Amino acid sequence: MFAVILSGGKQYKVAPGQTIKLETLDAEVGNSVNFDSVLMVGNDDDVKVGAPYLEKGKVSATVVAHGRGKKVHIIKFKRRKHSMKQQGHRQNYTQVKIDKIEG
């Protein structure tokens, strides 16, 4: 069984037991989180698609950890001008484990 959920403006294909990294959520480690924005639920040949969301679709997950991703280096460089600008960015994330899919 799988589902497609919407979180942080992005779509994620999830299955029970899977661990994924999402945009930062306001939840403590160990708490349960419910995703009501379920776009699609599938089980082998039976697939249900919402318009845009499924009414009875629900995905339950547990928050595993919060953290920051690897640093992304941004370099802007103009040749022969003695001009260079460097910047770094680390994106915050919340790691969740999918417990149950309903729909």
N, C-alpha and C. Protein backbone atom coordinates (compact mmCIF):
# COMPACT_ATOMS: atom_id res chain seq x y z
N MET A 1 0.85 -1.18 0.00
CA MET A 1 0.00 0.00 0.00
C MET A 1 0.89 1.23 0.00
N PHE A 2 0.47 2.26 -0.72
CA PHE A 2 1.21 3.51 -0.76
C PHE A 2 0.23 4.67 -0.81
N ALA A 3 0.75 5.87 -0.55
CA ALA A 3 -0.06 7.09 -0.61
C ALA A 3 0.83 8.22 -1.08
N VAL A 4 0.21 9.23 -1.66
CA VAL A 4 0.91 10.45 -2.05
C VAL A 4 0.34 11.57 -1.18
N ILE A 5 1.23 12.19 -0.38
CA ILE A 5 0.79 13.25 0.53
C ILE A 5 1.41 14.57 0.13
N LEU A 6 0.81 15.64 0.62
CA LEU A 6 1.30 16.99 0.37
C LEU A 6 1.77 17.57 1.70
N SER A 7 3.05 17.99 1.75
CA SER A 7 3.60 18.57 2.98
C SER A 7 4.66 19.58 2.60
N GLY A 8 4.50 20.80 3.09
CA GLY A 8 5.49 21.84 2.81
C GLY A 8 5.54 22.25 1.35
N GLY A 9 4.42 22.11 0.64
CA GLY A 9 4.37 22.49 -0.76
C GLY A 9 4.97 21.46 -1.70
N LYS A 10 5.33 20.28 -1.18
CA LYS A 10 5.92 19.21 -2.00
C LYS A 10 5.09 17.95 -1.84
N GLN A 11 5.16 17.09 -2.86
CA GLN A 11 4.44 15.83 -2.83
C GLN A 11 5.41 14.69 -2.55
N TYR A 12 4.99 13.77 -1.69
CA TYR A 12 5.83 12.64 -1.30
C TYR A 12 5.04 11.35 -1.46
N LYS A 13 5.67 10.34 -2.07
CA LYS A 13 5.08 9.01 -2.15
C LYS A 13 5.59 8.23 -0.95
N VAL A 14 4.67 7.75 -0.10
CA VAL A 14 5.05 7.10 1.15
C VAL A 14 4.39 5.73 1.27
N ALA A 15 5.02 4.89 2.08
CA ALA A 15 4.51 3.55 2.38
C ALA A 15 4.70 3.31 3.87
N PRO A 16 3.90 2.41 4.46
CA PRO A 16 4.06 2.13 5.90
C PRO A 16 5.46 1.60 6.21
N GLY A 17 6.04 2.13 7.30
CA GLY A 17 7.38 1.72 7.71
C GLY A 17 8.49 2.54 7.10
N GLN A 18 8.17 3.41 6.16
CA GLN A 18 9.17 4.23 5.48
C GLN A 18 9.51 5.46 6.33
N THR A 19 10.78 5.88 6.28
CA THR A 19 11.24 7.08 6.97
C THR A 19 11.60 8.12 5.92
N ILE A 20 11.03 9.33 6.04
CA ILE A 20 11.30 10.39 5.07
C ILE A 20 11.63 11.69 5.78
N LYS A 21 12.30 12.59 5.04
CA LYS A 21 12.63 13.92 5.56
C LYS A 21 11.70 14.93 4.91
N LEU A 22 11.00 15.70 5.74
CA LEU A 22 10.06 16.72 5.27
C LEU A 22 10.54 18.09 5.69
N GLU A 23 9.86 19.12 5.19
CA GLU A 23 10.10 20.47 5.68
C GLU A 23 9.78 20.50 7.17
N THR A 24 10.36 21.44 7.90
CA THR A 24 10.22 21.49 9.36
C THR A 24 8.75 21.55 9.78
N LEU A 25 8.39 20.66 10.72
CA LEU A 25 7.04 20.61 11.28
C LEU A 25 7.11 21.03 12.75
N ASP A 26 6.02 21.64 13.24
CA ASP A 26 5.95 22.05 14.64
C ASP A 26 5.44 20.88 15.48
N ALA A 27 6.33 19.94 15.78
CA ALA A 27 5.98 18.79 16.60
C ALA A 27 7.24 18.30 17.32
N GLU A 28 7.04 17.83 18.53
CA GLU A 28 8.17 17.33 19.32
C GLU A 28 8.53 15.92 18.86
N VAL A 29 9.77 15.52 19.14
CA VAL A 29 10.24 14.18 18.80
C VAL A 29 9.43 13.16 19.60
N GLY A 30 8.91 12.14 18.91
CA GLY A 30 8.09 11.12 19.55
C GLY A 30 6.60 11.35 19.42
N ASN A 31 6.19 12.56 19.05
CA ASN A 31 4.77 12.86 18.87
C ASN A 31 4.25 12.29 17.56
N SER A 32 2.94 12.11 17.49
CA SER A 32 2.29 11.62 16.29
C SER A 32 1.82 12.80 15.44
N VAL A 33 1.93 12.66 14.13
CA VAL A 33 1.51 13.70 13.19
C VAL A 33 0.56 13.07 12.19
N ASN A 34 -0.54 13.76 11.88
CA ASN A 34 -1.50 13.27 10.89
C ASN A 34 -1.47 14.18 9.67
N PHE A 35 -1.41 13.57 8.49
CA PHE A 35 -1.45 14.30 7.23
C PHE A 35 -2.83 14.09 6.61
N ASP A 36 -3.61 15.18 6.49
CA ASP A 36 -4.94 15.09 5.90
C ASP A 36 -4.93 15.42 4.40
N SER A 37 -3.84 15.98 3.92
CA SER A 37 -3.72 16.34 2.50
C SER A 37 -3.20 15.14 1.72
N VAL A 38 -4.07 14.14 1.54
CA VAL A 38 -3.72 12.92 0.82
C VAL A 38 -4.25 13.04 -0.60
N LEU A 39 -3.36 12.98 -1.57
CA LEU A 39 -3.75 13.15 -2.97
C LEU A 39 -4.16 11.83 -3.62
N MET A 40 -3.51 10.73 -3.21
CA MET A 40 -3.78 9.45 -3.85
C MET A 40 -3.44 8.32 -2.88
N VAL A 41 -4.22 7.25 -2.92
CA VAL A 41 -3.96 6.04 -2.15
C VAL A 41 -4.05 4.87 -3.10
N GLY A 42 -3.06 3.97 -3.03
CA GLY A 42 -3.06 2.83 -3.92
C GLY A 42 -2.71 1.55 -3.19
N ASN A 43 -3.30 0.44 -3.66
CA ASN A 43 -3.01 -0.87 -3.12
C ASN A 43 -3.04 -1.86 -4.29
N ASP A 44 -1.88 -2.18 -4.84
CA ASP A 44 -1.75 -3.05 -6.00
C ASP A 44 -2.56 -2.49 -7.18
N ASP A 45 -3.72 -3.11 -7.47
CA ASP A 45 -4.52 -2.68 -8.63
C ASP A 45 -5.56 -1.62 -8.27
N ASP A 46 -5.89 -1.47 -7.00
CA ASP A 46 -6.92 -0.53 -6.56
C ASP A 46 -6.27 0.82 -6.24
N VAL A 47 -6.56 1.83 -7.04
CA VAL A 47 -5.98 3.17 -6.85
C VAL A 47 -7.12 4.18 -6.73
N LYS A 48 -7.06 5.02 -5.68
CA LYS A 48 -8.05 6.07 -5.49
C LYS A 48 -7.34 7.41 -5.61
N VAL A 49 -7.89 8.28 -6.47
CA VAL A 49 -7.31 9.59 -6.71
C VAL A 49 -8.30 10.65 -6.25
N GLY A 50 -7.83 11.64 -5.50
CA GLY A 50 -8.68 12.71 -5.01
C GLY A 50 -8.78 13.85 -5.99
N ALA A 51 -9.71 14.76 -5.72
CA ALA A 51 -9.89 15.92 -6.59
C ALA A 51 -10.06 17.17 -5.74
N PRO A 52 -9.04 17.82 -5.22
CA PRO A 52 -7.63 17.42 -5.25
C PRO A 52 -7.25 16.48 -4.12
N TYR A 53 -8.05 16.41 -3.01
CA TYR A 53 -7.70 15.55 -1.88
C TYR A 53 -8.76 14.48 -1.69
N LEU A 54 -8.36 13.37 -1.09
CA LEU A 54 -9.31 12.33 -0.72
C LEU A 54 -10.01 12.74 0.56
N GLU A 55 -11.32 12.54 0.63
CA GLU A 55 -12.09 12.95 1.81
C GLU A 55 -11.75 12.09 3.02
N LYS A 56 -11.62 10.79 2.83
CA LYS A 56 -11.36 9.89 3.95
C LYS A 56 -9.90 9.45 3.99
N GLY A 57 -9.05 10.12 3.26
CA GLY A 57 -7.64 9.76 3.26
C GLY A 57 -6.90 10.37 4.44
N LYS A 58 -6.08 9.55 5.08
CA LYS A 58 -5.34 10.02 6.25
C LYS A 58 -4.07 9.19 6.40
N VAL A 59 -2.96 9.86 6.69
CA VAL A 59 -1.69 9.19 6.90
C VAL A 59 -1.18 9.58 8.28
N SER A 60 -0.85 8.59 9.10
CA SER A 60 -0.33 8.83 10.45
C SER A 60 1.17 8.56 10.45
N ALA A 61 1.91 9.43 11.14
CA ALA A 61 3.36 9.29 11.20
C ALA A 61 3.85 9.70 12.59
N THR A 62 5.07 9.27 12.93
CA THR A 62 5.70 9.62 14.19
C THR A 62 6.96 10.41 13.90
N VAL A 63 7.17 11.51 14.62
CA VAL A 63 8.37 12.32 14.43
C VAL A 63 9.56 11.60 15.04
N VAL A 64 10.59 11.37 14.22
CA VAL A 64 11.78 10.66 14.66
C VAL A 64 12.85 11.64 15.12
N ALA A 65 13.10 12.70 14.32
CA ALA A 65 14.17 13.64 14.65
C ALA A 65 13.97 14.94 13.89
N HIS A 66 14.65 15.97 14.38
CA HIS A 66 14.77 17.24 13.68
C HIS A 66 16.25 17.42 13.37
N GLY A 67 16.55 18.12 12.28
CA GLY A 67 17.96 18.31 11.95
C GLY A 67 18.15 19.33 10.86
N ARG A 68 19.39 19.39 10.38
CA ARG A 68 19.74 20.29 9.28
C ARG A 68 20.48 19.49 8.23
N GLY A 69 20.19 19.78 6.98
CA GLY A 69 20.80 19.05 5.88
C GLY A 69 22.24 19.45 5.64
N LYS A 70 22.83 18.85 4.61
CA LYS A 70 24.20 19.18 4.23
C LYS A 70 24.26 20.60 3.70
N LYS A 71 25.42 21.21 3.82
CA LYS A 71 25.58 22.59 3.35
C LYS A 71 25.64 22.62 1.82
N VAL A 72 24.89 23.54 1.25
CA VAL A 72 24.92 23.78 -0.19
C VAL A 72 25.71 25.06 -0.40
N HIS A 73 26.75 24.99 -1.22
CA HIS A 73 27.60 26.15 -1.47
C HIS A 73 27.13 26.88 -2.71
N ILE A 74 26.93 28.18 -2.58
CA ILE A 74 26.53 29.02 -3.70
C ILE A 74 27.69 29.95 -4.01
N ILE A 75 28.19 29.91 -5.23
CA ILE A 75 29.31 30.76 -5.63
C ILE A 75 28.91 31.52 -6.89
N LYS A 76 29.02 32.84 -6.81
CA LYS A 76 28.78 33.69 -7.97
C LYS A 76 30.12 34.30 -8.34
N PHE A 77 30.52 34.12 -9.57
CA PHE A 77 31.87 34.47 -9.99
C PHE A 77 31.83 35.19 -11.33
N LYS A 78 32.51 36.33 -11.42
CA LYS A 78 32.64 37.05 -12.69
C LYS A 78 34.11 37.04 -13.09
N ARG A 79 34.37 36.49 -14.22
CA ARG A 79 35.77 36.36 -14.65
C ARG A 79 36.39 37.71 -14.99
N ARG A 80 37.66 37.83 -14.72
CA ARG A 80 38.48 39.01 -15.02
C ARG A 80 37.98 40.30 -14.36
N LYS A 81 37.16 40.21 -13.34
CA LYS A 81 36.62 41.40 -12.68
C LYS A 81 37.02 41.46 -11.21
N HIS A 82 37.74 40.48 -10.70
CA HIS A 82 38.07 40.37 -9.28
C HIS A 82 36.80 40.40 -8.43
N SER A 83 35.79 39.69 -8.92
CA SER A 83 34.51 39.69 -8.24
C SER A 83 34.07 38.25 -7.99
N MET A 84 33.88 37.92 -6.71
CA MET A 84 33.39 36.60 -6.36
C MET A 84 32.57 36.74 -5.07
N LYS A 85 31.44 36.03 -5.03
CA LYS A 85 30.59 36.06 -3.85
C LYS A 85 30.29 34.62 -3.45
N GLN A 86 30.52 34.28 -2.20
CA GLN A 86 30.25 32.93 -1.70
C GLN A 86 29.17 32.98 -0.63
N GLN A 87 28.35 31.95 -0.62
CA GLN A 87 27.29 31.86 0.37
C GLN A 87 26.99 30.39 0.61
N GLY A 88 26.56 30.04 1.81
CA GLY A 88 26.19 28.68 2.13
C GLY A 88 24.79 28.64 2.71
N HIS A 89 24.15 27.46 2.59
CA HIS A 89 22.79 27.31 3.10
C HIS A 89 22.60 25.88 3.61
N ARG A 90 21.99 25.75 4.79
CA ARG A 90 21.62 24.44 5.35
C ARG A 90 20.13 24.46 5.64
N GLN A 91 19.38 23.56 5.00
CA GLN A 91 17.93 23.52 5.14
C GLN A 91 17.53 22.70 6.37
N ASN A 92 16.62 23.21 7.17
CA ASN A 92 16.08 22.46 8.30
C ASN A 92 15.11 21.40 7.81
N TYR A 93 15.05 20.27 8.52
CA TYR A 93 14.11 19.21 8.15
C TYR A 93 13.58 18.52 9.39
N THR A 94 12.49 17.78 9.20
CA THR A 94 11.91 16.92 10.21
C THR A 94 11.83 15.52 9.62
N GLN A 95 12.38 14.56 10.34
CA GLN A 95 12.37 13.18 9.87
C GLN A 95 11.21 12.45 10.53
N VAL A 96 10.34 11.85 9.71
CA VAL A 96 9.16 11.15 10.24
C VAL A 96 9.13 9.71 9.71
N LYS A 97 8.51 8.83 10.51
CA LYS A 97 8.32 7.44 10.12
C LYS A 97 6.84 7.23 9.91
N ILE A 98 6.46 6.71 8.75
CA ILE A 98 5.06 6.49 8.41
C ILE A 98 4.56 5.26 9.15
N ASP A 99 3.46 5.42 9.91
CA ASP A 99 2.90 4.32 10.69
C ASP A 99 1.74 3.63 9.97
N LYS A 100 0.77 4.45 9.53
CA LYS A 100 -0.48 3.86 9.02
C LYS A 100 -1.05 4.72 7.91
N ILE A 101 -1.62 4.05 6.91
CA ILE A 101 -2.30 4.75 5.80
C ILE A 101 -3.76 4.29 5.78
N GLU A 102 -4.66 5.28 5.79
CA GLU A 102 -6.10 4.98 5.72
C GLU A 102 -6.66 5.65 4.47
N GLY A 103 -7.64 5.01 3.88
CA GLY A 103 -8.26 5.62 2.73
C GLY A 103 -8.93 4.60 1.94
